[in-house]
Amino acid sequence: MSNSVFLWVFRCGIELGVIVLLLLPLRAILKRTAPRIFSYLLWGVLPLIVICKWFIERMSQFGLLVEFHVSEIPFIAIPEMILQAGKGFLLIGTACVFLFMVYFYVRLWRRLVGSIRLRENIYITERIKSPFSMGLIHPKIFLPSSLEEEYYAPVIMHEKVHIARKDIWMKHIGMALLMVFWFQPLLWLAFYLFVNDMEEACDEAVLRKNTKVFQMKYAKALVEVSYQAGKVGGVAIGYGSGEIKGRVKHALAHKRSSLFVKIGATLACVGFMCLAVLLSRQVPRIIWVVDGAKGNVSAEGLVIREEGMTEQLIFMDESE
């Protein structure tokens, strides 16, 4: 890993943490006033920022975009020794998180060997305790043999909504961000809240198409399945994932939102995503000190020339 790549990853992780702090209050407002789909989609701003930064970096590599930050932009200069130590620490952490994810992925697939097909893409096995969906290209729904048949309908409907919305892909994207920016604790909090919002949004989609009687049955299924089986982590999307108490309360109190509320929530989400991309650029720059420059160098007369992941310190001669 080059020094410029390390600094880019580290700085991007800090920027994502700032965006999470700004996102939490808006999420709390949306959860009280709007359908859960909006608080769920709001988390899309995090991969959006990473994609935008990567796109700018690619443009800069081909000479299409070069940015200059003058001395008013805050910056933090770090020496060579700390830079090298940080690179090793980042690589070790990323490798550990990656191996941890691969381990649980392989272990879960091994449990699915010998599953019996019920119908379509639905399988039953006695080696799991909680129902879940899994797979990127051809996703499948797996049900434990211990699950009572009266709960088949709500569980299968819930997992089919996950598959139709490509929630499995979204969870993989979230896990990829965790693997790269594992050193940012706010992203781990964000991933937990993201999964909970995803599950509640899926609950709403199922309940919206059914009656009040089914709503009670659905809430009962949530309680029974989570109590008997627990949660499923990793790459799978389990029926009992998320905060069960909150999901049950939300399912029982579910009601349709007005068109005015949906329009307002849409504008709030789009506006925040645009604003977040701009605000992320105001985070203090982390600069690698080179050419004998001191770590406490003054920002007076300093210009930072940025070309994607590469940044160059340019000291202006104030006497000129």
Protein backbone atom coordinates (compact mmCIF):
# COMPACT_ATOMS: atom_id res chain seq x y z
CA MET A 1 0.00 0.00 0.00
CA SER A 2 1.40 3.40 -1.01
CA ASN A 3 1.49 6.35 1.36
CA SER A 4 -1.06 8.26 -0.72
CA VAL A 5 -3.55 5.36 -0.65
CA PHE A 6 -3.19 5.00 3.13
CA LEU A 7 -3.81 8.71 3.69
CA TRP A 8 -6.80 8.61 1.34
CA VAL A 9 -8.38 5.70 3.21
CA PHE A 10 -7.69 7.21 6.62
CA ARG A 11 -9.03 10.63 5.65
CA CYS A 12 -12.10 9.08 4.01
CA GLY A 13 -12.79 7.12 7.19
CA ILE A 14 -12.74 10.33 9.23
CA GLU A 15 -15.08 12.03 6.76
CA LEU A 16 -17.52 9.10 6.93
CA GLY A 17 -17.55 9.36 10.72
CA VAL A 18 -18.46 13.05 10.51
CA ILE A 19 -21.29 12.25 8.10
CA VAL A 20 -22.64 9.58 10.46
CA LEU A 21 -22.79 12.13 13.30
CA LEU A 22 -24.70 14.53 11.05
CA LEU A 23 -26.99 11.76 9.80
CA LEU A 24 -28.16 10.47 13.19
CA PRO A 25 -30.41 13.46 14.09
CA LEU A 26 -32.11 13.39 10.68
CA ARG A 27 -32.59 9.63 10.98
CA ALA A 28 -34.27 10.09 14.37
CA ILE A 29 -36.69 12.63 12.86
CA LEU A 30 -37.50 10.41 9.89
CA LYS A 31 -38.16 7.39 12.12
CA ARG A 32 -40.78 9.40 14.01
CA THR A 33 -42.51 10.99 11.05
CA ALA A 34 -41.92 8.96 7.86
CA PRO A 35 -41.90 5.35 6.64
CA ARG A 36 -38.78 3.37 7.50
CA ILE A 37 -37.76 3.10 3.86
CA PHE A 38 -36.48 6.68 4.04
CA SER A 39 -34.25 6.16 7.08
CA TYR A 40 -33.01 2.98 5.37
CA LEU A 41 -32.16 4.72 2.10
CA LEU A 42 -30.50 7.57 4.00
CA TRP A 43 -27.56 5.28 4.78
CA GLY A 44 -26.80 5.22 1.07
CA VAL A 45 -24.98 8.53 1.54
CA LEU A 46 -21.97 6.67 2.98
CA PRO A 47 -21.10 4.57 -0.10
CA LEU A 48 -22.10 7.58 -2.22
CA ILE A 49 -19.34 9.69 -0.64
CA VAL A 50 -16.76 6.95 -1.18
CA ILE A 51 -17.83 6.58 -4.84
CA CYS A 52 -17.67 10.36 -5.39
CA LYS A 53 -14.18 10.54 -3.88
CA TRP A 54 -13.03 7.59 -6.01
CA PHE A 55 -14.50 9.20 -9.14
CA ILE A 56 -12.69 12.48 -8.41
CA GLU A 57 -9.48 10.53 -7.86
CA ARG A 58 -9.82 8.78 -11.21
CA MET A 59 -10.48 12.06 -12.99
CA SER A 60 -7.41 13.57 -11.35
CA GLN A 61 -5.19 10.70 -12.45
CA PHE A 62 -6.03 11.47 -16.06
CA GLY A 63 -5.40 15.18 -15.55
CA LEU A 64 -9.07 16.09 -15.77
CA LEU A 65 -9.26 17.61 -12.31
CA VAL A 66 -6.65 19.17 -10.06
CA GLU A 67 -7.66 20.89 -6.81
CA PHE A 68 -5.77 23.53 -4.86
CA HIS A 69 -6.43 24.06 -1.15
CA VAL A 70 -5.08 27.33 0.23
CA SER A 71 -3.88 27.95 3.77
CA GLU A 72 -7.42 28.55 5.09
CA ILE A 73 -8.13 24.82 4.79
CA PRO A 74 -7.20 23.09 8.10
CA PHE A 75 -4.57 20.38 7.77
CA ILE A 76 -2.79 17.88 9.99
CA ALA A 77 0.79 16.94 9.07
CA ILE A 78 2.11 13.55 10.21
CA PRO A 79 5.75 12.38 10.13
CA GLU A 80 7.13 9.45 8.14
CA MET A 81 7.53 7.10 11.14
CA ILE A 82 3.88 7.40 12.20
CA LEU A 83 2.80 7.02 8.58
CA GLN A 84 4.61 3.70 8.15
CA ALA A 85 3.28 2.35 11.45
CA GLY A 86 -0.24 3.37 10.50
CA LYS A 87 0.00 1.58 7.16
CA GLY A 88 0.94 -1.69 8.83
CA PHE A 89 -1.80 -1.32 11.43
CA LEU A 90 -4.41 -0.63 8.76
CA LEU A 91 -3.40 -3.62 6.63
CA ILE A 92 -3.41 -6.01 9.59
CA GLY A 93 -6.83 -4.83 10.71
CA THR A 94 -8.31 -5.10 7.22
CA ALA A 95 -6.91 -8.63 6.82
CA CYS A 96 -8.37 -9.70 10.18
CA VAL A 97 -11.85 -8.34 9.37
CA PHE A 98 -11.75 -9.98 5.92
CA LEU A 99 -10.73 -13.37 7.30
CA PHE A 100 -13.38 -13.10 10.00
CA MET A 101 -16.08 -12.50 7.37
CA VAL A 102 -14.84 -15.32 5.15
CA TYR A 103 -14.81 -17.70 8.12
CA PHE A 104 -18.47 -17.06 8.98
CA TYR A 105 -19.46 -17.18 5.31
CA VAL A 106 -17.87 -20.61 4.79
CA ARG A 107 -19.17 -21.93 8.10
CA LEU A 108 -22.72 -20.91 7.23
CA TRP A 109 -22.60 -22.47 3.76
CA ARG A 110 -21.33 -25.74 5.23
CA ARG A 111 -24.42 -25.88 7.42
CA LEU A 112 -26.60 -25.65 4.33
CA VAL A 113 -25.23 -28.83 2.76
CA GLY A 114 -28.06 -31.35 2.42
CA SER A 115 -30.87 -28.77 2.43
CA ILE A 116 -34.16 -30.03 0.99
CA ARG A 117 -35.99 -27.93 -1.56
CA LEU A 118 -39.53 -27.04 -0.51
CA ARG A 119 -40.52 -25.07 -3.60
CA GLU A 120 -39.01 -22.49 -5.94
CA ASN A 121 -35.96 -21.02 -4.14
CA ILE A 122 -37.09 -22.07 -0.65
CA TYR A 123 -35.16 -24.75 1.22
CA ILE A 124 -35.53 -26.51 4.56
CA THR A 125 -32.68 -27.79 6.71
CA GLU A 126 -32.29 -29.05 10.24
CA ARG A 127 -28.79 -27.58 10.68
CA ILE A 128 -29.90 -23.98 11.21
CA LYS A 129 -32.05 -22.37 13.89
CA SER A 130 -33.19 -19.14 12.24
CA PRO A 131 -34.72 -18.48 8.80
CA PHE A 132 -32.71 -16.28 6.44
CA SER A 133 -32.02 -15.47 2.79
CA MET A 134 -28.56 -15.71 1.24
CA GLY A 135 -26.83 -15.44 -2.13
CA LEU A 136 -26.03 -12.58 -4.52
CA ILE A 137 -26.69 -14.04 -8.00
CA HIS A 138 -29.38 -16.62 -7.21
CA PRO A 139 -30.56 -15.84 -3.65
CA LYS A 140 -32.27 -18.60 -1.71
CA ILE A 141 -34.49 -18.70 1.37
CA PHE A 142 -33.58 -21.20 4.07
CA LEU A 143 -36.03 -22.31 6.75
CA PRO A 144 -35.14 -24.38 9.82
CA SER A 145 -37.01 -27.66 10.09
CA SER A 146 -38.03 -26.66 13.63
CA LEU A 147 -40.03 -23.67 12.33
CA GLU A 148 -43.77 -24.18 12.73
CA GLU A 149 -45.75 -24.07 9.50
CA GLU A 150 -48.05 -21.30 10.74
CA TYR A 151 -45.07 -18.94 10.53
CA TYR A 152 -44.07 -19.92 7.01
CA ALA A 153 -46.20 -17.24 5.31
CA PRO A 154 -44.89 -14.14 7.16
CA VAL A 155 -41.29 -15.38 7.11
CA ILE A 156 -41.28 -16.20 3.39
CA MET A 157 -43.01 -12.93 2.47
CA HIS A 158 -40.44 -11.01 4.49
CA GLU A 159 -37.48 -12.71 2.85
CA LYS A 160 -38.96 -12.32 -0.64
CA VAL A 161 -39.14 -8.55 -0.09
CA HIS A 162 -35.45 -8.58 0.88
CA ILE A 163 -34.60 -10.42 -2.33
CA ALA A 164 -36.75 -8.16 -4.52
CA ARG A 165 -35.15 -5.01 -3.06
CA LYS A 166 -31.60 -6.37 -3.42
CA ASP A 167 -31.05 -5.90 0.33
CA ILE A 168 -28.45 -8.68 0.25
CA TRP A 169 -26.34 -6.54 -2.07
CA MET A 170 -26.77 -3.53 0.22
CA LYS A 171 -25.59 -5.55 3.21
CA HIS A 172 -22.52 -6.72 1.30
CA ILE A 173 -21.70 -3.11 0.43
CA GLY A 174 -21.99 -2.19 4.10
CA MET A 175 -19.68 -5.03 5.09
CA ALA A 176 -17.17 -3.97 2.43
CA LEU A 177 -17.09 -0.48 3.96
CA LEU A 178 -16.50 -2.02 7.37
CA MET A 179 -13.64 -4.08 6.01
CA VAL A 180 -11.85 -1.04 4.56
CA PHE A 181 -12.72 1.53 7.24
CA TRP A 182 -12.77 -0.83 10.23
CA PHE A 183 -10.86 1.70 12.36
CA GLN A 184 -13.86 4.08 12.38
CA PRO A 185 -16.11 3.03 15.33
CA LEU A 186 -18.98 5.19 14.10
CA LEU A 187 -19.24 2.99 10.99
CA TRP A 188 -19.82 -0.08 13.16
CA LEU A 189 -22.65 1.80 14.88
CA ALA A 190 -23.95 2.88 11.49
CA PHE A 191 -23.94 -0.72 10.22
CA TYR A 192 -25.98 -1.88 13.23
CA LEU A 193 -28.55 0.88 12.74
CA PHE A 194 -28.57 0.28 8.98
CA VAL A 195 -29.49 -3.40 9.44
CA ASN A 196 -32.26 -2.46 11.87
CA ASP A 197 -33.69 0.14 9.46
CA MET A 198 -33.49 -2.38 6.62
CA GLU A 199 -35.50 -4.93 8.60
CA GLU A 200 -38.15 -2.42 9.68
CA ALA A 201 -38.48 -1.15 6.09
CA CYS A 202 -38.98 -4.73 4.96
CA ASP A 203 -41.60 -5.26 7.70
CA GLU A 204 -43.50 -2.22 6.44
CA ALA A 205 -43.48 -3.48 2.86
CA VAL A 206 -45.04 -6.78 3.96
CA LEU A 207 -47.62 -5.24 6.29
CA ARG A 208 -48.66 -2.63 3.71
CA LYS A 209 -50.11 -5.39 1.51
CA ASN A 210 -51.99 -7.27 4.22
CA THR A 211 -54.82 -6.94 6.71
CA LYS A 212 -54.89 -5.99 10.40
CA VAL A 213 -55.27 -9.65 11.34
CA PHE A 214 -52.10 -10.52 9.44
CA GLN A 215 -50.38 -7.64 11.23
CA MET A 216 -50.98 -9.35 14.59
CA LYS A 217 -49.82 -12.69 13.19
CA TYR A 218 -46.70 -11.07 11.78
CA ALA A 219 -45.79 -9.51 15.15
CA LYS A 220 -46.31 -12.89 16.85
CA ALA A 221 -44.05 -14.58 14.30
CA LEU A 222 -41.32 -12.01 15.04
CA VAL A 223 -41.47 -12.77 18.75
CA GLU A 224 -41.60 -16.54 18.41
CA VAL A 225 -38.90 -16.88 15.77
CA SER A 226 -36.47 -14.53 17.52
CA TYR A 227 -37.08 -16.23 20.88
CA GLN A 228 -36.60 -19.76 19.58
CA ALA A 229 -33.84 -19.14 17.04
CA GLY A 230 -32.04 -15.88 17.75
CA LYS A 231 -30.30 -13.71 15.16
CA VAL A 232 -28.28 -14.42 12.05
CA GLY A 233 -25.21 -12.30 11.36
CA GLY A 234 -22.69 -12.02 8.58
CA VAL A 235 -23.67 -12.04 4.92
CA ALA A 236 -27.11 -13.61 5.46
CA ILE A 237 -30.27 -11.59 6.10
CA GLY A 238 -32.15 -13.24 8.93
CA TYR A 239 -35.82 -12.84 9.79
CA GLY A 240 -34.88 -12.31 13.43
CA SER A 241 -32.23 -9.65 12.74
CA GLY A 242 -32.40 -6.09 14.02
CA GLU A 243 -33.90 -4.84 17.28
CA ILE A 244 -36.80 -7.24 17.80
CA LYS A 245 -38.58 -5.20 20.46
CA GLY A 246 -38.62 -2.13 18.23
CA ARG A 247 -39.70 -4.15 15.20
CA VAL A 248 -42.62 -5.72 17.07
CA LYS A 249 -43.82 -2.34 18.39
CA HIS A 250 -43.51 -0.85 14.92
CA ALA A 251 -45.39 -3.75 13.34
CA LEU A 252 -48.28 -3.44 15.79
CA ALA A 253 -48.51 0.34 15.36
CA HIS A 254 -47.99 0.34 11.59
CA LYS A 255 -50.15 2.74 9.58
CA ARG A 256 -49.92 4.34 6.17
CA SER A 257 -48.20 7.71 5.81
CA SER A 258 -49.64 10.61 3.83
CA LEU A 259 -48.28 11.67 0.45
CA PHE A 260 -47.17 15.00 1.97
CA VAL A 261 -44.99 13.17 4.51
CA LYS A 262 -43.42 10.99 1.81
CA ILE A 263 -42.60 14.01 -0.39
CA GLY A 264 -41.08 15.86 2.57
CA ALA A 265 -38.99 12.83 3.56
CA THR A 266 -37.77 12.40 -0.02
CA LEU A 267 -36.64 16.02 -0.23
CA ALA A 268 -34.92 15.74 3.16
CA CYS A 269 -32.99 12.63 2.10
CA VAL A 270 -31.91 14.02 -1.29
CA GLY A 271 -30.94 17.35 0.26
CA PHE A 272 -28.88 15.71 2.99
CA MET A 273 -27.04 13.49 0.50
CA CYS A 274 -26.05 16.50 -1.61
CA LEU A 275 -25.04 18.49 1.46
CA ALA A 276 -23.06 15.58 2.93
CA VAL A 277 -20.86 15.32 -0.16
CA LEU A 278 -19.97 19.01 0.19
CA LEU A 279 -19.47 18.91 3.96
CA SER A 280 -17.13 15.94 3.73
CA ARG A 281 -14.66 18.18 1.88
CA GLN A 282 -14.38 20.48 4.90
CA VAL A 283 -12.78 17.86 7.16
CA PRO A 284 -9.14 18.82 8.00
CA ARG A 285 -6.67 17.46 5.46
CA ILE A 286 -4.17 14.85 6.62
CA ILE A 287 -0.85 15.52 4.89
CA TRP A 288 2.28 13.42 4.68
CA VAL A 289 5.29 15.52 5.68
CA VAL A 290 8.05 15.18 3.08
CA ASP A 291 11.25 16.93 1.98
CA GLY A 292 12.37 17.66 5.52
CA ALA A 293 9.29 19.68 6.44
CA LYS A 294 8.57 19.73 10.16
CA GLY A 295 5.43 18.31 11.70
CA ASN A 296 4.47 21.67 13.20
CA VAL A 297 4.90 23.59 9.96
CA SER A 298 2.84 26.78 9.77
CA ALA A 299 -0.05 27.00 7.36
CA GLU A 300 1.01 30.50 6.33
CA GLY A 301 1.86 30.60 2.65
CA LEU A 302 0.90 26.94 2.19
CA VAL A 303 -0.94 25.59 -0.81
CA ILE A 304 -1.97 21.93 -1.08
CA ARG A 305 -2.06 20.64 -4.65
CA GLU A 306 -4.33 17.59 -4.78
CA GLU A 307 -4.46 15.15 -7.67
CA GLY A 308 -6.73 12.32 -6.58
CA MET A 309 -4.97 10.35 -3.86
CA THR A 310 -1.73 12.30 -4.28
CA GLU A 311 -1.19 15.59 -2.44
CA GLN A 312 1.78 17.90 -2.69
CA LEU A 313 2.76 20.66 -0.23
CA ILE A 314 3.72 23.89 -1.96
CA PHE A 315 5.31 26.62 0.23
CA MET A 316 4.77 30.08 -1.14
CA ASP A 317 7.49 32.68 -0.75
CA GLU A 318 5.71 35.52 1.06
CA SER A 319 8.47 37.98 0.18
CA GLU A 320 7.56 37.84 -3.46
